[in-house]
Amino acid sequence: MCECVFMRTTIELPDEMYKAAKIRAVETNVSLKDLVTRGLMRELEEADQVREPQAPYWSSRKLEPTFAHLKKKGKLKGGADSTTLVSEDRSSREDALF
């Protein structure tokens, strides 16, 4: 038998979740405490397992059809960086003010 030290805690659950959990506990003939403990233990065991690295978000993005068509034609190569364009635009406006 486990010589575990138990700590008491309070968690807040939405009413519907509490009712569903209580029903499941009764159906499986376990206490609500045991049901929650088993679920938490399962979650913690899954977290300990090595997970496959996920591809970065940006790698799954696709160009809109118009831009994909332009890229295929080679029209999007070697363009100016957007930060350069913004800086040049600001410079031209500042010169116009003086």
PDB file of N, CA and C in Angstrom:
ATOM      1  N   MET A   1       0.839  -1.187   0.000  1.00  0.00           N
ATOM      2  CA  MET A   1       0.000   0.000   0.000  1.00  0.00           C
ATOM      3  C   MET A   1       0.877   1.241   0.000  1.00  0.00           C
ATOM      4  N   CYS A   2       0.453   2.278  -0.609  1.00  0.00           N
ATOM      5  CA  CYS A   2       1.199   3.531  -0.722  1.00  0.00           C
ATOM      6  C   CYS A   2       1.160   4.298   0.594  1.00  0.00           C
ATOM      7  N   GLU A   3       2.330   4.753   1.002  1.00  0.00           N
ATOM      8  CA  GLU A   3       2.394   5.593   2.196  1.00  0.00           C
ATOM      9  C   GLU A   3       2.421   7.047   1.744  1.00  0.00           C
ATOM     10  N   CYS A   4       1.372   7.440   1.078  1.00  0.00           N
ATOM     11  CA  CYS A   4       1.296   8.780   0.511  1.00  0.00           C
ATOM     12  C   CYS A   4       0.802   9.776   1.548  1.00  0.00           C
ATOM     13  N   VAL A   5       1.250  10.970   1.420  1.00  0.00           N
ATOM     14  CA  VAL A   5       0.735  12.065   2.231  1.00  0.00           C
ATOM     15  C   VAL A   5      -0.241  12.824   1.345  1.00  0.00           C
ATOM     16  N   PHE A   6      -1.435  12.966   1.797  1.00  0.00           N
ATOM     17  CA  PHE A   6      -2.456  13.642   1.000  1.00  0.00           C
ATOM     18  C   PHE A   6      -2.594  15.080   1.446  1.00  0.00           C
ATOM     19  N   MET A   7      -2.804  15.947   0.470  1.00  0.00           N
ATOM     20  CA  MET A   7      -3.042  17.354   0.750  1.00  0.00           C
ATOM     21  C   MET A   7      -4.450  17.677   0.292  1.00  0.00           C
ATOM     22  N   ARG A   8      -5.106  18.476   1.037  1.00  0.00           N
ATOM     23  CA  ARG A   8      -6.468  18.889   0.704  1.00  0.00           C
ATOM     24  C   ARG A   8      -6.387  20.163  -0.132  1.00  0.00           C
ATOM     25  N   THR A   9      -7.207  20.214  -1.159  1.00  0.00           N
ATOM     26  CA  THR A   9      -7.263  21.413  -1.993  1.00  0.00           C
ATOM     27  C   THR A   9      -8.699  21.620  -2.461  1.00  0.00           C
ATOM     28  N   THR A  10      -8.960  22.795  -2.937  1.00  0.00           N
ATOM     29  CA  THR A  10     -10.285  23.115  -3.462  1.00  0.00           C
ATOM     30  C   THR A  10     -10.119  23.514  -4.916  1.00  0.00           C
ATOM     31  N   ILE A  11     -10.953  22.951  -5.769  1.00  0.00           N
ATOM     32  CA  ILE A  11     -10.961  23.357  -7.173  1.00  0.00           C
ATOM     33  C   ILE A  11     -12.369  23.771  -7.543  1.00  0.00           C
ATOM     34  N   GLU A  12     -12.460  24.695  -8.450  1.00  0.00           N
ATOM     35  CA  GLU A  12     -13.765  25.148  -8.920  1.00  0.00           C
ATOM     36  C   GLU A  12     -14.030  24.535 -10.275  1.00  0.00           C
ATOM     37  N   LEU A  13     -15.177  23.909 -10.411  1.00  0.00           N
ATOM     38  CA  LEU A  13     -15.582  23.288 -11.670  1.00  0.00           C
ATOM     39  C   LEU A  13     -16.904  23.895 -12.111  1.00  0.00           C
ATOM     40  N   PRO A  14     -17.107  24.019 -13.397  1.00  0.00           N
ATOM     41  CA  PRO A  14     -18.435  24.426 -13.871  1.00  0.00           C
ATOM     42  C   PRO A  14     -19.469  23.391 -13.407  1.00  0.00           C
ATOM     43  N   ASP A  15     -20.669  23.855 -13.112  1.00  0.00           N
ATOM     44  CA  ASP A  15     -21.719  22.969 -12.593  1.00  0.00           C
ATOM     45  C   ASP A  15     -21.930  21.734 -13.467  1.00  0.00           C
ATOM     46  N   GLU A  16     -21.983  21.930 -14.781  1.00  0.00           N
ATOM     47  CA  GLU A  16     -22.236  20.806 -15.678  1.00  0.00           C
ATOM     48  C   GLU A  16     -21.104  19.785 -15.621  1.00  0.00           C
ATOM     49  N   MET A  17     -19.853  20.260 -15.509  1.00  0.00           N
ATOM     50  CA  MET A  17     -18.719  19.352 -15.423  1.00  0.00           C
ATOM     51  C   MET A  17     -18.764  18.569 -14.112  1.00  0.00           C
ATOM     52  N   TYR A  18     -19.104  19.247 -13.030  1.00  0.00           N
ATOM     53  CA  TYR A  18     -19.200  18.575 -11.734  1.00  0.00           C
ATOM     54  C   TYR A  18     -20.268  17.487 -11.781  1.00  0.00           C
ATOM     55  N   LYS A  19     -21.434  17.825 -12.341  1.00  0.00           N
ATOM     56  CA  LYS A  19     -22.524  16.842 -12.416  1.00  0.00           C
ATOM     57  C   LYS A  19     -22.120  15.633 -13.263  1.00  0.00           C
ATOM     58  N   ALA A  20     -21.485  15.890 -14.406  1.00  0.00           N
ATOM     59  CA  ALA A  20     -21.058  14.795 -15.284  1.00  0.00           C
ATOM     60  C   ALA A  20     -20.005  13.930 -14.590  1.00  0.00           C
ATOM     61  N   ALA A  21     -19.072  14.568 -13.877  1.00  0.00           N
ATOM     62  CA  ALA A  21     -18.028  13.816 -13.169  1.00  0.00           C
ATOM     63  C   ALA A  21     -18.641  12.990 -12.051  1.00  0.00           C
ATOM     64  N   LYS A  22     -19.584  13.553 -11.335  1.00  0.00           N
ATOM     65  CA  LYS A  22     -20.230  12.824 -10.236  1.00  0.00           C
ATOM     66  C   LYS A  22     -20.995  11.615 -10.782  1.00  0.00           C
ATOM     67  N   ILE A  23     -21.682  11.800 -11.894  1.00  0.00           N
ATOM     68  CA  ILE A  23     -22.408  10.688 -12.527  1.00  0.00           C
ATOM     69  C   ILE A  23     -21.426   9.598 -12.959  1.00  0.00           C
ATOM     70  N   ARG A  24     -20.289   9.991 -13.580  1.00  0.00           N
ATOM     71  CA  ARG A  24     -19.296   9.011 -14.011  1.00  0.00           C
ATOM     72  C   ARG A  24     -18.731   8.259 -12.819  1.00  0.00           C
ATOM     73  N   ALA A  25     -18.493   8.963 -11.722  1.00  0.00           N
ATOM     74  CA  ALA A  25     -17.966   8.312 -10.520  1.00  0.00           C
ATOM     75  C   ALA A  25     -18.950   7.267 -10.006  1.00  0.00           C
ATOM     76  N   VAL A  26     -20.229   7.602  -9.988  1.00  0.00           N
ATOM     77  CA  VAL A  26     -21.246   6.650  -9.520  1.00  0.00           C
ATOM     78  C   VAL A  26     -21.336   5.464 -10.477  1.00  0.00           C
ATOM     79  N   GLU A  27     -21.300   5.746 -11.782  1.00  0.00           N
ATOM     80  CA  GLU A  27     -21.393   4.675 -12.775  1.00  0.00           C
ATOM     81  C   GLU A  27     -20.217   3.701 -12.670  1.00  0.00           C
ATOM     82  N   THR A  28     -19.035   4.207 -12.346  1.00  0.00           N
ATOM     83  CA  THR A  28     -17.848   3.354 -12.271  1.00  0.00           C
ATOM     84  C   THR A  28     -17.541   2.895 -10.848  1.00  0.00           C
ATOM     85  N   ASN A  29     -18.426   3.245  -9.931  1.00  0.00           N
ATOM     86  CA  ASN A  29     -18.330   2.803  -8.542  1.00  0.00           C
ATOM     87  C   ASN A  29     -17.026   3.254  -7.860  1.00  0.00           C
ATOM     88  N   VAL A  30     -16.649   4.522  -8.123  1.00  0.00           N
ATOM     89  CA  VAL A  30     -15.494   5.115  -7.451  1.00  0.00           C
ATOM     90  C   VAL A  30     -15.914   6.459  -6.866  1.00  0.00           C
ATOM     91  N   SER A  31     -15.105   6.967  -5.971  1.00  0.00           N
ATOM     92  CA  SER A  31     -15.413   8.279  -5.409  1.00  0.00           C
ATOM     93  C   SER A  31     -15.014   9.361  -6.409  1.00  0.00           C
ATOM     94  N   LEU A  32     -15.583  10.532  -6.239  1.00  0.00           N
ATOM     95  CA  LEU A  32     -15.224  11.657  -7.094  1.00  0.00           C
ATOM     96  C   LEU A  32     -13.741  11.974  -6.935  1.00  0.00           C
ATOM     97  N   LYS A  33     -13.239  11.859  -5.707  1.00  0.00           N
ATOM     98  CA  LYS A  33     -11.816  12.085  -5.445  1.00  0.00           C
ATOM     99  C   LYS A  33     -10.958  11.135  -6.279  1.00  0.00           C
ATOM    100  N   ASP A  34     -11.319   9.842  -6.296  1.00  0.00           N
ATOM    101  CA  ASP A  34     -10.553   8.865  -7.066  1.00  0.00           C
ATOM    102  C   ASP A  34     -10.642   9.136  -8.569  1.00  0.00           C
ATOM    103  N   LEU A  35     -11.807   9.529  -9.032  1.00  0.00           N
ATOM    104  CA  LEU A  35     -11.987   9.833 -10.446  1.00  0.00           C
ATOM    105  C   LEU A  35     -11.082  11.004 -10.860  1.00  0.00           C
ATOM    106  N   VAL A  36     -11.089  12.061 -10.075  1.00  0.00           N
ATOM    107  CA  VAL A  36     -10.266  13.237 -10.377  1.00  0.00           C
ATOM    108  C   VAL A  36      -8.785  12.884 -10.268  1.00  0.00           C
ATOM    109  N   THR A  37      -8.418  12.117  -9.251  1.00  0.00           N
ATOM    110  CA  THR A  37      -7.012  11.724  -9.060  1.00  0.00           C
ATOM    111  C   THR A  37      -6.516  10.902 -10.241  1.00  0.00           C
ATOM    112  N   ARG A  38      -7.333   9.950 -10.709  1.00  0.00           N
ATOM    113  CA  ARG A  38      -6.926   9.134 -11.855  1.00  0.00           C
ATOM    114  C   ARG A  38      -6.760   9.974 -13.112  1.00  0.00           C
ATOM    115  N   GLY A  39      -7.686  10.897 -13.331  1.00  0.00           N
ATOM    116  CA  GLY A  39      -7.599  11.762 -14.508  1.00  0.00           C
ATOM    117  C   GLY A  39      -6.370  12.650 -14.466  1.00  0.00           C
ATOM    118  N   LEU A  40      -6.077  13.198 -13.299  1.00  0.00           N
ATOM    119  CA  LEU A  40      -4.898  14.046 -13.150  1.00  0.00           C
ATOM    120  C   LEU A  40      -3.619  13.225 -13.322  1.00  0.00           C
ATOM    121  N   MET A  41      -3.619  12.029 -12.783  1.00  0.00           N
ATOM    122  CA  MET A  41      -2.448  11.150 -12.917  1.00  0.00           C
ATOM    123  C   MET A  41      -2.198  10.803 -14.382  1.00  0.00           C
ATOM    124  N   ARG A  42      -3.263  10.517 -15.114  1.00  0.00           N
ATOM    125  CA  ARG A  42      -3.133  10.206 -16.536  1.00  0.00           C
ATOM    126  C   ARG A  42      -2.557  11.410 -17.290  1.00  0.00           C
ATOM    127  N   GLU A  43      -3.033  12.593 -16.975  1.00  0.00           N
ATOM    128  CA  GLU A  43      -2.527  13.810 -17.619  1.00  0.00           C
ATOM    129  C   GLU A  43      -1.046  14.019 -17.312  1.00  0.00           C
ATOM    130  N   LEU A  44      -0.646  13.789 -16.085  1.00  0.00           N
ATOM    131  CA  LEU A  44       0.753  13.976 -15.700  1.00  0.00           C
ATOM    132  C   LEU A  44       1.653  12.925 -16.349  1.00  0.00           C
ATOM    133  N   GLU A  45       1.171  11.701 -16.489  1.00  0.00           N
ATOM    134  CA  GLU A  45       1.955  10.656 -17.154  1.00  0.00           C
ATOM    135  C   GLU A  45       2.151  10.980 -18.625  1.00  0.00           C
ATOM    136  N   GLU A  46       1.121  11.518 -19.263  1.00  0.00           N
ATOM    137  CA  GLU A  46       1.240  11.899 -20.669  1.00  0.00           C
ATOM    138  C   GLU A  46       2.245  13.027 -20.827  1.00  0.00           C
ATOM    139  N   ALA A  47       2.284  13.941 -19.881  1.00  0.00           N
ATOM    140  CA  ALA A  47       3.216  15.069 -19.960  1.00  0.00           C
ATOM    141  C   ALA A  47       4.657  14.596 -19.822  1.00  0.00           C
ATOM    142  N   ASP A  48       4.880  13.481 -19.123  1.00  0.00           N
ATOM    143  CA  ASP A  48       6.228  12.950 -18.944  1.00  0.00           C
ATOM    144  C   ASP A  48       6.754  12.255 -20.194  1.00  0.00           C
ATOM    145  N   GLN A  49       5.864  11.823 -21.067  1.00  0.00           N
ATOM    146  CA  GLN A  49       6.290  11.134 -22.271  1.00  0.00           C
ATOM    147  C   GLN A  49       6.904  12.137 -23.247  1.00  0.00           C
ATOM    148  N   VAL A  50       7.890  11.685 -23.998  1.00  0.00           N
ATOM    149  CA  VAL A  50       8.514  12.545 -24.999  1.00  0.00           C
ATOM    150  C   VAL A  50       7.528  12.717 -26.147  1.00  0.00           C
ATOM    151  N   ARG A  51       7.277  13.946 -26.486  1.00  0.00           N
ATOM    152  CA  ARG A  51       6.334  14.221 -27.562  1.00  0.00           C
ATOM    153  C   ARG A  51       7.083  14.526 -28.841  1.00  0.00           C
ATOM    154  N   GLU A  52       6.462  14.191 -29.944  1.00  0.00           N
ATOM    155  CA  GLU A  52       7.028  14.507 -31.249  1.00  0.00           C
ATOM    156  C   GLU A  52       7.092  16.022 -31.387  1.00  0.00           C
ATOM    157  N   PRO A  53       8.212  16.548 -31.857  1.00  0.00           N
ATOM    158  CA  PRO A  53       8.263  17.996 -32.053  1.00  0.00           C
ATOM    159  C   PRO A  53       7.269  18.416 -33.128  1.00  0.00           C
ATOM    160  N   GLN A  54       6.568  19.462 -32.849  1.00  0.00           N
ATOM    161  CA  GLN A  54       5.582  19.951 -33.811  1.00  0.00           C
ATOM    162  C   GLN A  54       6.247  20.919 -34.779  1.00  0.00           C
ATOM    163  N   ALA A  55       5.748  20.918 -35.993  1.00  0.00           N
ATOM    164  CA  ALA A  55       6.260  21.850 -36.989  1.00  0.00           C
ATOM    165  C   ALA A  55       5.868  23.259 -36.574  1.00  0.00           C
ATOM    166  N   PRO A  56       6.725  24.243 -36.836  1.00  0.00           N
ATOM    167  CA  PRO A  56       6.379  25.616 -36.485  1.00  0.00           C
ATOM    168  C   PRO A  56       5.118  26.056 -37.211  1.00  0.00           C
ATOM    169  N   TYR A  57       4.399  26.965 -36.600  1.00  0.00           N
ATOM    170  CA  TYR A  57       3.145  27.474 -37.164  1.00  0.00           C
ATOM    171  C   TYR A  57       3.352  27.990 -38.578  1.00  0.00           C
ATOM    172  N   TRP A  58       4.424  28.733 -38.785  1.00  0.00           N
ATOM    173  CA  TRP A  58       4.654  29.365 -40.083  1.00  0.00           C
ATOM    174  C   TRP A  58       4.881  28.350 -41.195  1.00  0.00           C
ATOM    175  N   SER A  59       5.377  27.158 -40.870  1.00  0.00           N
ATOM    176  CA  SER A  59       5.653  26.178 -41.921  1.00  0.00           C
ATOM    177  C   SER A  59       4.386  25.620 -42.551  1.00  0.00           C
ATOM    178  N   SER A  60       3.262  25.743 -41.853  1.00  0.00           N
ATOM    179  CA  SER A  60       2.013  25.202 -42.393  1.00  0.00           C
ATOM    180  C   SER A  60       1.181  26.258 -43.125  1.00  0.00           C
ATOM    181  N   ARG A  61       1.656  27.495 -43.112  1.00  0.00           N
ATOM    182  CA  ARG A  61       0.900  28.561 -43.789  1.00  0.00           C
ATOM    183  C   ARG A  61       1.092  28.468 -45.295  1.00  0.00           C
ATOM    184  N   LYS A  62       0.076  28.852 -46.021  1.00  0.00           N
ATOM    185  CA  LYS A  62       0.137  28.822 -47.472  1.00  0.00           C
ATOM    186  C   LYS A  62      -0.125  30.232 -48.008  1.00  0.00           C
ATOM    187  N   LEU A  63       0.510  30.541 -49.127  1.00  0.00           N
ATOM    188  CA  LEU A  63       0.271  31.830 -49.765  1.00  0.00           C
ATOM    189  C   LEU A  63      -1.124  31.869 -50.367  1.00  0.00           C
ATOM    190  N   GLU A  64      -1.707  33.047 -50.383  1.00  0.00           N
ATOM    191  CA  GLU A  64      -2.975  33.203 -51.082  1.00  0.00           C
ATOM    192  C   GLU A  64      -2.720  32.940 -52.564  1.00  0.00           C
ATOM    193  N   PRO A  65      -3.736  32.488 -53.290  1.00  0.00           N
ATOM    194  CA  PRO A  65      -3.531  32.111 -54.695  1.00  0.00           C
ATOM    195  C   PRO A  65      -2.860  33.197 -55.539  1.00  0.00           C
ATOM    196  N   THR A  66      -3.223  34.458 -55.334  1.00  0.00           N
ATOM    197  CA  THR A  66      -2.624  35.536 -56.126  1.00  0.00           C
ATOM    198  C   THR A  66      -1.131  35.618 -55.890  1.00  0.00           C
ATOM    199  N   PHE A  67      -0.714  35.570 -54.616  1.00  0.00           N
ATOM    200  CA  PHE A  67       0.710  35.649 -54.301  1.00  0.00           C
ATOM    201  C   PHE A  67       1.443  34.380 -54.728  1.00  0.00           C
ATOM    202  N   ALA A  68       0.788  33.231 -54.601  1.00  0.00           N
ATOM    203  CA  ALA A  68       1.419  31.980 -55.036  1.00  0.00           C
ATOM    204  C   ALA A  68       1.702  32.038 -56.533  1.00  0.00           C
ATOM    205  N   HIS A  69       0.760  32.601 -57.298  1.00  0.00           N
ATOM    206  CA  HIS A  69       0.925  32.742 -58.744  1.00  0.00           C
ATOM    207  C   HIS A  69       2.099  33.675 -59.051  1.00  0.00           C
ATOM    208  N   LEU A  70       2.200  34.800 -58.338  1.00  0.00           N
ATOM    209  CA  LEU A  70       3.304  35.741 -58.554  1.00  0.00           C
ATOM    210  C   LEU A  70       4.644  35.123 -58.162  1.00  0.00           C
ATOM    211  N   LYS A  71       4.652  34.360 -57.086  1.00  0.00           N
ATOM    212  CA  LYS A  71       5.893  33.716 -56.655  1.00  0.00           C
ATOM    213  C   LYS A  71       6.345  32.698 -57.689  1.00  0.00           C
ATOM    214  N   LYS A  72       5.392  31.954 -58.224  1.00  0.00           N
ATOM    215  CA  LYS A  72       5.716  30.944 -59.237  1.00  0.00           C
ATOM    216  C   LYS A  72       6.323  31.593 -60.482  1.00  0.00           C
ATOM    217  N   LYS A  73       5.854  32.787 -60.816  1.00  0.00           N
ATOM    218  CA  LYS A  73       6.385  33.517 -61.971  1.00  0.00           C
ATOM    219  C   LYS A  73       7.722  34.190 -61.664  1.00  0.00           C
ATOM    220  N   GLY A  74       8.121  34.172 -60.374  1.00  0.00           N
ATOM    221  CA  GLY A  74       9.390  34.784 -60.002  1.00  0.00           C
ATOM    222  C   GLY A  74       9.299  36.273 -59.734  1.00  0.00           C
ATOM    223  N   LYS A  75       8.094  36.775 -59.586  1.00  0.00           N
ATOM    224  CA  LYS A  75       7.901  38.210 -59.383  1.00  0.00           C
ATOM    225  C   LYS A  75       8.144  38.649 -57.942  1.00  0.00           C
ATOM    226  N   LEU A  76       8.256  37.722 -56.996  1.00  0.00           N
ATOM    227  CA  LEU A  76       8.419  38.096 -55.591  1.00  0.00           C
ATOM    228  C   LEU A  76       9.859  37.963 -55.119  1.00  0.00           C
ATOM    229  N   LYS A  77      10.802  37.740 -56.015  1.00  0.00           N
ATOM    230  CA  LYS A  77      12.189  37.547 -55.611  1.00  0.00           C
ATOM    231  C   LYS A  77      12.891  38.885 -55.448  1.00  0.00           C
ATOM    232  N   GLY A  78      13.731  38.977 -54.417  1.00  0.00           N
ATOM    233  CA  GLY A  78      14.628  40.119 -54.267  1.00  0.00           C
ATOM    234  C   GLY A  78      13.971  41.455 -54.017  1.00  0.00           C
ATOM    235  N   GLY A  79      12.767  41.458 -53.538  1.00  0.00           N
ATOM    236  CA  GLY A  79      12.102  42.722 -53.252  1.00  0.00           C
ATOM    237  C   GLY A  79      12.679  43.387 -52.017  1.00  0.00           C
ATOM    238  N   ALA A  80      12.334  44.635 -51.821  1.00  0.00           N
ATOM    239  CA  ALA A  80      12.813  45.378 -50.658  1.00  0.00           C
ATOM    240  C   ALA A  80      12.136  44.867 -49.395  1.00  0.00           C
ATOM    241  N   ASP A  81      12.860  44.935 -48.331  1.00  0.00           N
ATOM    242  CA  ASP A  81      12.325  44.556 -47.026  1.00  0.00           C
ATOM    243  C   ASP A  81      11.280  45.593 -46.620  1.00  0.00           C
ATOM    244  N   SER A  82      10.215  45.156 -45.989  1.00  0.00           N
ATOM    245  CA  SER A  82       9.151  46.092 -45.613  1.00  0.00           C
ATOM    246  C   SER A  82       9.651  47.174 -44.661  1.00  0.00           C
ATOM    247  N   THR A  83      10.606  46.846 -43.784  1.00  0.00           N
ATOM    248  CA  THR A  83      11.118  47.871 -42.867  1.00  0.00           C
ATOM    249  C   THR A  83      11.865  48.950 -43.636  1.00  0.00           C
ATOM    250  N   THR A  84      12.546  48.568 -44.712  1.00  0.00           N
ATOM    251  CA  THR A  84      13.240  49.548 -45.556  1.00  0.00           C
ATOM    252  C   THR A  84      12.228  50.453 -46.237  1.00  0.00           C
ATOM    253  N   LEU A  85      11.165  49.860 -46.770  1.00  0.00           N
ATOM    254  CA  LEU A  85      10.137  50.649 -47.441  1.00  0.00           C
ATOM    255  C   LEU A  85       9.492  51.658 -46.499  1.00  0.00           C
ATOM    256  N   VAL A  86       9.195  51.217 -45.279  1.00  0.00           N
ATOM    257  CA  VAL A  86       8.574  52.112 -44.309  1.00  0.00           C
ATOM    258  C   VAL A  86       9.532  53.248 -43.950  1.00  0.00           C
ATOM    259  N   SER A  87      10.802  52.928 -43.738  1.00  0.00           N
ATOM    260  CA  SER A  87      11.791  53.958 -43.406  1.00  0.00           C
ATOM    261  C   SER A  87      11.937  54.964 -44.531  1.00  0.00           C
ATOM    262  N   GLU A  88      11.995  54.475 -45.764  1.00  0.00           N
ATOM    263  CA  GLU A  88      12.120  55.379 -46.909  1.00  0.00           C
ATOM    264  C   GLU A  88      10.895  56.275 -47.023  1.00  0.00           C
ATOM    265  N   ASP A  89       9.708  55.718 -46.774  1.00  0.00           N
ATOM    266  CA  ASP A  89       8.484  56.501 -46.847  1.00  0.00           C
ATOM    267  C   ASP A  89       8.483  57.589 -45.776  1.00  0.00           C
ATOM    268  N   ARG A  90       8.903  57.254 -44.575  1.00  0.00           N
ATOM    269  CA  ARG A  90       8.957  58.252 -43.507  1.00  0.00           C
ATOM    270  C   ARG A  90       9.954  59.349 -43.850  1.00  0.00           C
ATOM    271  N   SER A  91      11.098  58.970 -44.377  1.00  0.00           N
ATOM    272  CA  SER A  91      12.107  59.955 -44.744  1.00  0.00           C
ATOM    273  C   SER A  91      11.582  60.926 -45.785  1.00  0.00           C
ATOM    274  N   SER A  92      10.880  60.393 -46.770  1.00  0.00           N
ATOM    275  CA  SER A  92      10.373  61.270 -47.837  1.00  0.00           C
ATOM    276  C   SER A  92       9.303  62.226 -47.293  1.00  0.00           C
ATOM    277  N   ARG A  93       8.517  61.783 -46.343  1.00  0.00           N
ATOM    278  CA  ARG A  93       7.507  62.665 -45.759  1.00  0.00           C
ATOM    279  C   ARG A  93       8.147  63.732 -44.875  1.00  0.00           C
ATOM    280  N   GLU A  94       9.214  63.368 -44.152  1.00  0.00           N
ATOM    281  CA  GLU A  94       9.883  64.347 -43.301  1.00  0.00           C
ATOM    282  C   GLU A  94      10.532  65.430 -44.138  1.00  0.00           C
ATOM    283  N   ASP A  95      11.107  65.035 -45.283  1.00  0.00           N
ATOM    284  CA  ASP A  95      11.737  66.029 -46.164  1.00  0.00           C
ATOM    285  C   ASP A  95      10.693  66.990 -46.724  1.00  0.00           C
ATOM    286  N   ALA A  96       9.512  66.487 -47.008  1.00  0.00           N
ATOM    287  CA  ALA A  96       8.466  67.316 -47.575  1.00  0.00           C
ATOM    288  C   ALA A  96       7.954  68.350 -46.568  1.00  0.00           C
ATOM    289  N   LEU A  97       8.092  68.042 -45.273  1.00  0.00           N
ATOM    290  CA  LEU A  97       7.598  68.959 -44.255  1.00  0.00           C
ATOM    291  C   LEU A  97       8.489  70.179 -44.098  1.00  0.00           C
ATOM    292  N   PHE A  98       9.755  70.070 -44.486  1.00  0.00           N
ATOM    293  CA  PHE A  98      10.685  71.183 -44.258  1.00  0.00           C
ATOM    294  C   PHE A  98      10.884  71.986 -45.479  1.00  0.00           C
TER     295      PHE A  98
END
